[in-house]
Amino acid sequence: MTARGVEGRRITARRHDFLEYKTVCPFCGEPVGPRFVTREHSDVPPNPPYAASVKCPRCRELYEVVFSDEV
């Protein structure tokens, strides 16, 4: 794990873009989507799933995608 901290491991994306694999890994730029989710989080508002932990298939970095319709 790199020393980027929590903020460096959290991105915001439109849920529709994530489902269509239009969201990219912040570390290597690889397109990611629901297939790479390791955990869904329900403690981040507004609608479930609110966020998801993702493991990039290329660089293997772990990070969190927070869903928003206002990105």
C-alpha atoms as a PDB file:
ATOM      1  CA  MET A   1       0.000   0.000   0.000  1.00  0.00           C
ATOM      2  CA  THR A   2       1.369   3.402  -0.900  1.00  0.00           C
ATOM      3  CA  ALA A   3       1.548   6.387   1.462  1.00  0.00           C
ATOM      4  CA  ARG A   4      -1.232   8.407  -0.174  1.00  0.00           C
ATOM      5  CA  GLY A   5      -3.575   8.282   2.832  1.00  0.00           C
ATOM      6  CA  VAL A   6      -7.344   7.976   2.890  1.00  0.00           C
ATOM      7  CA  GLU A   7      -8.086  10.934   0.604  1.00  0.00           C
ATOM      8  CA  GLY A   8      -5.729   9.569  -2.054  1.00  0.00           C
ATOM      9  CA  ARG A   9      -7.625   6.294  -1.967  1.00  0.00           C
ATOM     10  CA  ARG A  10     -11.115   7.714  -2.485  1.00  0.00           C
ATOM     11  CA  ILE A  11     -12.612   8.862  -5.768  1.00  0.00           C
ATOM     12  CA  THR A  12     -16.101  10.065  -6.663  1.00  0.00           C
ATOM     13  CA  ALA A  13     -17.870   8.725  -9.734  1.00  0.00           C
ATOM     14  CA  ARG A  14     -21.322   8.618 -11.249  1.00  0.00           C
ATOM     15  CA  ARG A  15     -22.872   5.246 -10.473  1.00  0.00           C
ATOM     16  CA  HIS A  16     -23.972   4.795 -14.092  1.00  0.00           C
ATOM     17  CA  ASP A  17     -20.407   5.412 -15.321  1.00  0.00           C
ATOM     18  CA  PHE A  18     -19.075   2.867 -12.834  1.00  0.00           C
ATOM     19  CA  LEU A  19     -21.599   0.256 -13.969  1.00  0.00           C
ATOM     20  CA  GLU A  20     -20.555   0.885 -17.602  1.00  0.00           C
ATOM     21  CA  TYR A  21     -16.797   0.593 -16.806  1.00  0.00           C
ATOM     22  CA  LYS A  22     -16.229   4.283 -17.621  1.00  0.00           C
ATOM     23  CA  THR A  23     -14.528   4.930 -14.262  1.00  0.00           C
ATOM     24  CA  VAL A  24     -10.735   4.624 -14.239  1.00  0.00           C
ATOM     25  CA  CYS A  25      -8.275   3.603 -11.546  1.00  0.00           C
ATOM     26  CA  PRO A  26      -6.673   6.737 -10.028  1.00  0.00           C
ATOM     27  CA  PHE A  27      -3.299   4.967  -9.903  1.00  0.00           C
ATOM     28  CA  CYS A  28      -2.891   3.471 -13.396  1.00  0.00           C
ATOM     29  CA  GLY A  29      -5.891   4.581 -15.498  1.00  0.00           C
ATOM     30  CA  GLU A  30      -7.321   1.072 -16.021  1.00  0.00           C
ATOM     31  CA  PRO A  31     -11.121   1.049 -16.597  1.00  0.00           C
ATOM     32  CA  VAL A  32     -12.871  -0.493 -13.592  1.00  0.00           C
ATOM     33  CA  GLY A  33     -16.438  -1.448 -12.798  1.00  0.00           C
ATOM     34  CA  PRO A  34     -18.629  -3.738 -10.706  1.00  0.00           C
ATOM     35  CA  ARG A  35     -16.600  -6.866 -11.446  1.00  0.00           C
ATOM     36  CA  PHE A  36     -13.725  -5.482  -9.347  1.00  0.00           C
ATOM     37  CA  VAL A  37     -15.738  -4.584  -6.214  1.00  0.00           C
ATOM     38  CA  THR A  38     -14.456  -6.234  -3.051  1.00  0.00           C
ATOM     39  CA  ARG A  39     -17.023  -4.684  -0.682  1.00  0.00           C
ATOM     40  CA  GLU A  40     -20.076  -2.410  -0.814  1.00  0.00           C
ATOM     41  CA  HIS A  41     -20.518   0.310   1.836  1.00  0.00           C
ATOM     42  CA  SER A  42     -23.907   1.499   3.033  1.00  0.00           C
ATOM     43  CA  ASP A  43     -22.705   4.115   5.512  1.00  0.00           C
ATOM     44  CA  VAL A  44     -22.039   6.843   2.926  1.00  0.00           C
ATOM     45  CA  PRO A  45     -25.234   8.684   1.796  1.00  0.00           C
ATOM     46  CA  PRO A  46     -27.437   9.017  -0.356  1.00  0.00           C
ATOM     47  CA  ASN A  47     -28.632   5.732  -2.009  1.00  0.00           C
ATOM     48  CA  PRO A  48     -27.360   2.150  -1.710  1.00  0.00           C
ATOM     49  CA  PRO A  49     -24.836   1.068  -2.635  1.00  0.00           C
ATOM     50  CA  TYR A  50     -23.348   4.363  -1.513  1.00  0.00           C
ATOM     51  CA  ALA A  51     -19.729   3.374  -2.086  1.00  0.00           C
ATOM     52  CA  ALA A  52     -17.670   0.385  -3.061  1.00  0.00           C
ATOM     53  CA  SER A  53     -14.157  -0.815  -2.325  1.00  0.00           C
ATOM     54  CA  VAL A  54     -12.415  -1.694  -5.570  1.00  0.00           C
ATOM     55  CA  LYS A  55      -9.244  -3.632  -6.390  1.00  0.00           C
ATOM     56  CA  CYS A  56      -7.735  -2.632  -9.720  1.00  0.00           C
ATOM     57  CA  PRO A  57      -7.104  -5.645 -11.987  1.00  0.00           C
ATOM     58  CA  ARG A  58      -3.912  -4.139 -13.444  1.00  0.00           C
ATOM     59  CA  CYS A  59      -1.983  -2.478 -10.587  1.00  0.00           C
ATOM     60  CA  ARG A  60      -3.805  -4.317  -7.728  1.00  0.00           C
ATOM     61  CA  GLU A  61      -4.257  -1.090  -5.725  1.00  0.00           C
ATOM     62  CA  LEU A  62      -7.243  -0.901  -3.358  1.00  0.00           C
ATOM     63  CA  TYR A  63      -9.364   2.255  -3.212  1.00  0.00           C
ATOM     64  CA  GLU A  64     -12.930   3.427  -2.594  1.00  0.00           C
ATOM     65  CA  VAL A  65     -15.410   4.725  -5.163  1.00  0.00           C
ATOM     66  CA  VAL A  66     -18.092   6.997  -3.700  1.00  0.00           C
ATOM     67  CA  PHE A  67     -21.151   7.207  -5.949  1.00  0.00           C
ATOM     68  CA  SER A  68     -22.660  10.550  -6.886  1.00  0.00           C
ATOM     69  CA  ASP A  69     -24.889  11.836  -9.661  1.00  0.00           C
ATOM     70  CA  GLU A  70     -23.214  15.254  -9.509  1.00  0.00           C
ATOM     71  CA  VAL A  71     -19.696  14.504 -10.771  1.00  0.00           C
END
